[in-house]
Amino acid sequence: MLTQIKGMGPPNVAGLSLSGIATECPADLVTDSERFYNSVLHLLEDIEEKEEVMKLLAWWNRYVHSIFTLSS
């Protein structure tokens, strides 16, 4: 679902990037952000993407944990 937005290939946890969102459509940030948010929610809820979602959440938890561990 998420990869269909920009015509990318199959879902890839490493390819998920939030860095380019604001620069892709500067004239319509609200709508673009809403579409991205809704697409992420659909991806997280998609039963066919369960394995990829679990990998993504595991990566996110490790990433967040490392940030808090370094800042403590």
PDB file of N, CA and C in Angstrom:
ATOM      1  N   MET A   1       0.830  -1.196   0.000  1.00  0.00           N
ATOM      2  CA  MET A   1       0.000   0.000   0.000  1.00  0.00           C
ATOM      3  C   MET A   1       0.869   1.252   0.000  1.00  0.00           C
ATOM      4  N   LEU A   2       1.782   1.368   0.943  1.00  0.00           N
ATOM      5  CA  LEU A   2       2.624   2.558   1.040  1.00  0.00           C
ATOM      6  C   LEU A   2       3.478   2.724  -0.205  1.00  0.00           C
ATOM      7  N   THR A   3       3.987   1.632  -0.723  1.00  0.00           N
ATOM      8  CA  THR A   3       4.874   1.728  -1.880  1.00  0.00           C
ATOM      9  C   THR A   3       4.126   2.112  -3.142  1.00  0.00           C
ATOM     10  N   GLN A   4       2.822   1.934  -3.177  1.00  0.00           N
ATOM     11  CA  GLN A   4       2.044   2.285  -4.355  1.00  0.00           C
ATOM     12  C   GLN A   4       1.948   3.796  -4.540  1.00  0.00           C
ATOM     13  N   ILE A   5       2.137   4.563  -3.498  1.00  0.00           N
ATOM     14  CA  ILE A   5       2.000   6.018  -3.580  1.00  0.00           C
ATOM     15  C   ILE A   5       3.001   6.608  -4.564  1.00  0.00           C
ATOM     16  N   LYS A   6       4.238   6.225  -4.432  1.00  0.00           N
ATOM     17  CA  LYS A   6       5.293   6.801  -5.259  1.00  0.00           C
ATOM     18  C   LYS A   6       5.755   5.857  -6.355  1.00  0.00           C
ATOM     19  N   GLY A   7       5.025   4.743  -6.567  1.00  0.00           N
ATOM     20  CA  GLY A   7       5.374   3.810  -7.623  1.00  0.00           C
ATOM     21  C   GLY A   7       6.659   3.046  -7.369  1.00  0.00           C
ATOM     22  N   MET A   8       6.990   2.816  -6.117  1.00  0.00           N
ATOM     23  CA  MET A   8       8.194   2.072  -5.784  1.00  0.00           C
ATOM     24  C   MET A   8       7.908   0.590  -5.909  1.00  0.00           C
ATOM     25  N   GLY A   9       8.914  -0.221  -5.689  1.00  0.00           N
ATOM     26  CA  GLY A   9       8.784  -1.669  -5.741  1.00  0.00           C
ATOM     27  C   GLY A   9       8.121  -2.212  -4.497  1.00  0.00           C
ATOM     28  N   PRO A  10       8.367  -3.487  -4.189  1.00  0.00           N
ATOM     29  CA  PRO A  10       7.764  -4.113  -3.022  1.00  0.00           C
ATOM     30  C   PRO A  10       8.161  -3.401  -1.736  1.00  0.00           C
ATOM     31  N   PRO A  11       7.352  -3.524  -0.673  1.00  0.00           N
ATOM     32  CA  PRO A  11       7.679  -2.879   0.589  1.00  0.00           C
ATOM     33  C   PRO A  11       9.067  -3.264   1.075  1.00  0.00           C
ATOM     34  N   ASN A  12       9.792  -2.288   1.551  1.00  0.00           N
ATOM     35  CA  ASN A  12      11.146  -2.503   2.023  1.00  0.00           C
ATOM     36  C   ASN A  12      11.345  -1.628   3.248  1.00  0.00           C
ATOM     37  N   VAL A  13      11.530  -2.255   4.402  1.00  0.00           N
ATOM     38  CA  VAL A  13      11.665  -1.514   5.650  1.00  0.00           C
ATOM     39  C   VAL A  13      12.787  -0.499   5.548  1.00  0.00           C
ATOM     40  N   ALA A  14      13.897  -0.881   4.967  1.00  0.00           N
ATOM     41  CA  ALA A  14      15.038   0.032   4.862  1.00  0.00           C
ATOM     42  C   ALA A  14      14.728   1.199   3.942  1.00  0.00           C
ATOM     43  N   GLY A  15      13.801   1.023   3.018  1.00  0.00           N
ATOM     44  CA  GLY A  15      13.482   2.081   2.066  1.00  0.00           C
ATOM     45  C   GLY A  15      12.479   3.093   2.578  1.00  0.00           C
ATOM     46  N   LEU A  16      11.871   2.841   3.708  1.00  0.00           N
ATOM     47  CA  LEU A  16      10.890   3.758   4.250  1.00  0.00           C
ATOM     48  C   LEU A  16      11.602   4.992   4.775  1.00  0.00           C
ATOM     49  N   SER A  17      11.286   6.132   4.215  1.00  0.00           N
ATOM     50  CA  SER A  17      11.977   7.353   4.604  1.00  0.00           C
ATOM     51  C   SER A  17      10.984   8.483   4.750  1.00  0.00           C
ATOM     52  N   LEU A  18      11.117   9.238   5.797  1.00  0.00           N
ATOM     53  CA  LEU A  18      10.255  10.386   6.016  1.00  0.00           C
ATOM     54  C   LEU A  18      10.954  11.684   5.598  1.00  0.00           C
ATOM     55  N   SER A  19      12.205  11.623   5.251  1.00  0.00           N
ATOM     56  CA  SER A  19      12.994  12.823   5.024  1.00  0.00           C
ATOM     57  C   SER A  19      12.555  13.644   3.823  1.00  0.00           C
ATOM     58  N   GLY A  20      12.002  13.043   2.797  1.00  0.00           N
ATOM     59  CA  GLY A  20      11.681  13.789   1.591  1.00  0.00           C
ATOM     60  C   GLY A  20      10.249  14.261   1.492  1.00  0.00           C
ATOM     61  N   ILE A  21       9.438  14.008   2.478  1.00  0.00           N
ATOM     62  CA  ILE A  21       8.017  14.329   2.388  1.00  0.00           C
ATOM     63  C   ILE A  21       7.767  15.818   2.181  1.00  0.00           C
ATOM     64  N   ALA A  22       8.358  16.662   2.989  1.00  0.00           N
ATOM     65  CA  ALA A  22       8.090  18.096   2.932  1.00  0.00           C
ATOM     66  C   ALA A  22       8.599  18.725   1.647  1.00  0.00           C
ATOM     67  N   THR A  23       9.574  18.143   1.001  1.00  0.00           N
ATOM     68  CA  THR A  23      10.140  18.749  -0.198  1.00  0.00           C
ATOM     69  C   THR A  23       9.470  18.275  -1.478  1.00  0.00           C
ATOM     70  N   GLU A  24       8.694  17.216  -1.420  1.00  0.00           N
ATOM     71  CA  GLU A  24       8.110  16.674  -2.643  1.00  0.00           C
ATOM     72  C   GLU A  24       6.938  17.484  -3.160  1.00  0.00           C
ATOM     73  N   CYS A  25       6.194  18.095  -2.288  1.00  0.00           N
ATOM     74  CA  CYS A  25       5.008  18.835  -2.700  1.00  0.00           C
ATOM     75  C   CYS A  25       4.840  20.047  -1.795  1.00  0.00           C
ATOM     76  N   PRO A  26       5.725  21.032  -1.908  1.00  0.00           N
ATOM     77  CA  PRO A  26       5.682  22.163  -0.982  1.00  0.00           C
ATOM     78  C   PRO A  26       4.398  22.981  -1.058  1.00  0.00           C
ATOM     79  N   ALA A  27       3.702  22.979  -2.181  1.00  0.00           N
ATOM     80  CA  ALA A  27       2.498  23.788  -2.318  1.00  0.00           C
ATOM     81  C   ALA A  27       1.293  23.155  -1.637  1.00  0.00           C
ATOM     82  N   ASP A  28       1.354  21.869  -1.315  1.00  0.00           N
ATOM     83  CA  ASP A  28       0.192  21.183  -0.771  1.00  0.00           C
ATOM     84  C   ASP A  28       0.615  20.238   0.346  1.00  0.00           C
ATOM     85  N   LEU A  29       1.289  20.756   1.355  1.00  0.00           N
ATOM     86  CA  LEU A  29       1.831  19.921   2.422  1.00  0.00           C
ATOM     87  C   LEU A  29       0.760  19.228   3.247  1.00  0.00           C
ATOM     88  N   VAL A  30      -0.352  19.889   3.508  1.00  0.00           N
ATOM     89  CA  VAL A  30      -1.377  19.290   4.359  1.00  0.00           C
ATOM     90  C   VAL A  30      -1.966  18.060   3.704  1.00  0.00           C
ATOM     91  N   THR A  31      -2.409  18.173   2.473  1.00  0.00           N
ATOM     92  CA  THR A  31      -3.005  17.039   1.770  1.00  0.00           C
ATOM     93  C   THR A  31      -1.990  15.927   1.591  1.00  0.00           C
ATOM     94  N   ASP A  32      -0.763  16.255   1.206  1.00  0.00           N
ATOM     95  CA  ASP A  32       0.259  15.243   1.009  1.00  0.00           C
ATOM     96  C   ASP A  32       0.562  14.523   2.316  1.00  0.00           C
ATOM     97  N   SER A  33       0.635  15.260   3.414  1.00  0.00           N
ATOM     98  CA  SER A  33       0.893  14.656   4.721  1.00  0.00           C
ATOM     99  C   SER A  33      -0.257  13.762   5.148  1.00  0.00           C
ATOM    100  N   GLU A  34      -1.477  14.183   4.891  1.00  0.00           N
ATOM    101  CA  GLU A  34      -2.646  13.367   5.236  1.00  0.00           C
ATOM    102  C   GLU A  34      -2.640  12.074   4.435  1.00  0.00           C
ATOM    103  N   ARG A  35      -2.324  12.165   3.161  1.00  0.00           N
ATOM    104  CA  ARG A  35      -2.289  10.963   2.310  1.00  0.00           C
ATOM    105  C   ARG A  35      -1.202  10.009   2.794  1.00  0.00           C
ATOM    106  N   PHE A  36      -0.032  10.563   3.146  1.00  0.00           N
ATOM    107  CA  PHE A  36       1.049   9.734   3.651  1.00  0.00           C
ATOM    108  C   PHE A  36       0.634   9.060   4.957  1.00  0.00           C
ATOM    109  N   TYR A  37       0.062   9.824   5.893  1.00  0.00           N
ATOM    110  CA  TYR A  37      -0.372   9.296   7.183  1.00  0.00           C
ATOM    111  C   TYR A  37      -1.386   8.167   6.984  1.00  0.00           C
ATOM    112  N   ASN A  38      -2.384   8.406   6.150  1.00  0.00           N
ATOM    113  CA  ASN A  38      -3.401   7.377   5.906  1.00  0.00           C
ATOM    114  C   ASN A  38      -2.805   6.144   5.243  1.00  0.00           C
ATOM    115  N   SER A  39      -1.839   6.329   4.358  1.00  0.00           N
ATOM    116  CA  SER A  39      -1.187   5.202   3.704  1.00  0.00           C
ATOM    117  C   SER A  39      -0.385   4.372   4.699  1.00  0.00           C
ATOM    118  N   VAL A  40       0.292   5.043   5.622  1.00  0.00           N
ATOM    119  CA  VAL A  40       1.041   4.326   6.659  1.00  0.00           C
ATOM    120  C   VAL A  40       0.091   3.512   7.521  1.00  0.00           C
ATOM    121  N   LEU A  41      -1.033   4.113   7.910  1.00  0.00           N
ATOM    122  CA  LEU A  41      -2.012   3.378   8.718  1.00  0.00           C
ATOM    123  C   LEU A  41      -2.526   2.153   7.976  1.00  0.00           C
ATOM    124  N   HIS A  42      -2.823   2.309   6.697  1.00  0.00           N
ATOM    125  CA  HIS A  42      -3.299   1.168   5.903  1.00  0.00           C
ATOM    126  C   HIS A  42      -2.235   0.072   5.842  1.00  0.00           C
ATOM    127  N   LEU A  43      -0.991   0.468   5.666  1.00  0.00           N
ATOM    128  CA  LEU A  43       0.095  -0.509   5.621  1.00  0.00           C
ATOM    129  C   LEU A  43       0.193  -1.258   6.942  1.00  0.00           C
ATOM    130  N   LEU A  44       0.150  -0.528   8.048  1.00  0.00           N
ATOM    131  CA  LEU A  44       0.276  -1.163   9.362  1.00  0.00           C
ATOM    132  C   LEU A  44      -0.883  -2.102   9.667  1.00  0.00           C
ATOM    133  N   GLU A  45      -2.041  -1.831   9.081  1.00  0.00           N
ATOM    134  CA  GLU A  45      -3.226  -2.662   9.329  1.00  0.00           C
ATOM    135  C   GLU A  45      -3.398  -3.788   8.309  1.00  0.00           C
ATOM    136  N   ASP A  46      -2.621  -3.778   7.237  1.00  0.00           N
ATOM    137  CA  ASP A  46      -2.764  -4.762   6.158  1.00  0.00           C
ATOM    138  C   ASP A  46      -2.223  -6.121   6.603  1.00  0.00           C
ATOM    139  N   ILE A  47      -3.083  -7.109   6.674  1.00  0.00           N
ATOM    140  CA  ILE A  47      -2.705  -8.449   7.129  1.00  0.00           C
ATOM    141  C   ILE A  47      -1.662  -9.072   6.194  1.00  0.00           C
ATOM    142  N   GLU A  48      -1.695  -8.738   4.917  1.00  0.00           N
ATOM    143  CA  GLU A  48      -0.725  -9.281   3.966  1.00  0.00           C
ATOM    144  C   GLU A  48       0.670  -8.710   4.185  1.00  0.00           C
ATOM    145  N   GLU A  49       0.774  -7.610   4.894  1.00  0.00           N
ATOM    146  CA  GLU A  49       2.063  -6.976   5.177  1.00  0.00           C
ATOM    147  C   GLU A  49       2.538  -7.234   6.605  1.00  0.00           C
ATOM    148  N   LYS A  50       1.905  -8.187   7.280  1.00  0.00           N
ATOM    149  CA  LYS A  50       2.184  -8.419   8.693  1.00  0.00           C
ATOM    150  C   LYS A  50       3.672  -8.670   8.967  1.00  0.00           C
ATOM    151  N   GLU A  51       4.314  -9.505   8.154  1.00  0.00           N
ATOM    152  CA  GLU A  51       5.728  -9.810   8.374  1.00  0.00           C
ATOM    153  C   GLU A  51       6.591  -8.551   8.236  1.00  0.00           C
ATOM    154  N   GLU A  52       6.343  -7.764   7.192  1.00  0.00           N
ATOM    155  CA  GLU A  52       7.101  -6.523   6.988  1.00  0.00           C
ATOM    156  C   GLU A  52       6.825  -5.517   8.107  1.00  0.00           C
ATOM    157  N   VAL A  53       5.579  -5.443   8.540  1.00  0.00           N
ATOM    158  CA  VAL A  53       5.217  -4.522   9.622  1.00  0.00           C
ATOM    159  C   VAL A  53       5.919  -4.919  10.909  1.00  0.00           C
ATOM    160  N   MET A  54       5.982  -6.209  11.188  1.00  0.00           N
ATOM    161  CA  MET A  54       6.666  -6.665  12.398  1.00  0.00           C
ATOM    162  C   MET A  54       8.153  -6.321  12.335  1.00  0.00           C
ATOM    163  N   LYS A  55       8.773  -6.461  11.161  1.00  0.00           N
ATOM    164  CA  LYS A  55      10.176  -6.088  10.993  1.00  0.00           C
ATOM    165  C   LYS A  55      10.359  -4.586  11.196  1.00  0.00           C
ATOM    166  N   LEU A  56       9.449  -3.811  10.629  1.00  0.00           N
ATOM    167  CA  LEU A  56       9.511  -2.362  10.767  1.00  0.00           C
ATOM    168  C   LEU A  56       9.369  -1.936  12.227  1.00  0.00           C
ATOM    169  N   LEU A  57       8.411  -2.504  12.938  1.00  0.00           N
ATOM    170  CA  LEU A  57       8.205  -2.158  14.345  1.00  0.00           C
ATOM    171  C   LEU A  57       9.387  -2.593  15.211  1.00  0.00           C
ATOM    172  N   ALA A  58       9.975  -3.740  14.904  1.00  0.00           N
ATOM    173  CA  ALA A  58      11.160  -4.184  15.646  1.00  0.00           C
ATOM    174  C   ALA A  58      12.314  -3.215  15.416  1.00  0.00           C
ATOM    175  N   TRP A  59      12.499  -2.801  14.150  1.00  0.00           N
ATOM    176  CA  TRP A  59      13.541  -1.823  13.852  1.00  0.00           C
ATOM    177  C   TRP A  59      13.273  -0.513  14.591  1.00  0.00           C
ATOM    178  N   TRP A  60      12.044  -0.037  14.547  1.00  0.00           N
ATOM    179  CA  TRP A  60      11.680   1.226  15.204  1.00  0.00           C
ATOM    180  C   TRP A  60      11.947   1.151  16.709  1.00  0.00           C
ATOM    181  N   ASN A  61      11.553   0.070  17.325  1.00  0.00           N
ATOM    182  CA  ASN A  61      11.771  -0.077  18.767  1.00  0.00           C
ATOM    183  C   ASN A  61      13.259  -0.079  19.116  1.00  0.00           C
ATOM    184  N   ARG A  62      14.075  -0.742  18.293  1.00  0.00           N
ATOM    185  CA  ARG A  62      15.528  -0.717  18.521  1.00  0.00           C
ATOM    186  C   ARG A  62      16.077   0.683  18.334  1.00  0.00           C
ATOM    187  N   TYR A  63      15.616   1.372  17.311  1.00  0.00           N
ATOM    188  CA  TYR A  63      16.076   2.730  17.013  1.00  0.00           C
ATOM    189  C   TYR A  63      15.731   3.678  18.162  1.00  0.00           C
ATOM    190  N   VAL A  64      14.483   3.668  18.595  1.00  0.00           N
ATOM    191  CA  VAL A  64      14.049   4.553  19.674  1.00  0.00           C
ATOM    192  C   VAL A  64      14.777   4.212  20.963  1.00  0.00           C
ATOM    193  N   HIS A  65      14.921   2.927  21.237  1.00  0.00           N
ATOM    194  CA  HIS A  65      15.632   2.516  22.447  1.00  0.00           C
ATOM    195  C   HIS A  65      17.071   3.030  22.426  1.00  0.00           C
ATOM    196  N   SER A  66      17.729   2.954  21.263  1.00  0.00           N
ATOM    197  CA  SER A  66      19.123   3.421  21.188  1.00  0.00           C
ATOM    198  C   SER A  66      19.214   4.929  21.383  1.00  0.00           C
ATOM    199  N   ILE A  67      18.250   5.675  20.927  1.00  0.00           N
ATOM    200  CA  ILE A  67      18.247   7.130  21.127  1.00  0.00           C
ATOM    201  C   ILE A  67      18.133   7.449  22.620  1.00  0.00           C
ATOM    202  N   PHE A  68      17.188   6.799  23.287  1.00  0.00           N
ATOM    203  CA  PHE A  68      16.998   7.063  24.703  1.00  0.00           C
ATOM    204  C   PHE A  68      18.161   6.558  25.543  1.00  0.00           C
ATOM    205  N   THR A  69      18.774   5.480  25.112  1.00  0.00           N
ATOM    206  CA  THR A  69      19.933   4.945  25.830  1.00  0.00           C
ATOM    207  C   THR A  69      21.113   5.903  25.700  1.00  0.00           C
ATOM    208  N   LEU A  70      21.324   6.464  24.518  1.00  0.00           N
ATOM    209  CA  LEU A  70      22.432   7.391  24.300  1.00  0.00           C
ATOM    210  C   LEU A  70      22.219   8.721  25.023  1.00  0.00           C
ATOM    211  N   SER A  71      20.969   9.157  25.129  1.00  0.00           N
ATOM    212  CA  SER A  71      20.697  10.459  25.748  1.00  0.00           C
ATOM    213  C   SER A  71      20.637  10.390  27.267  1.00  0.00           C
ATOM    214  N   SER A  72      20.635   9.198  27.828  1.00  0.00           N
ATOM    215  CA  SER A  72      20.564   9.053  29.293  1.00  0.00           C
ATOM    216  C   SER A  72      21.915   9.233  29.948  1.00  0.00           C
TER     217      SER A  72
END
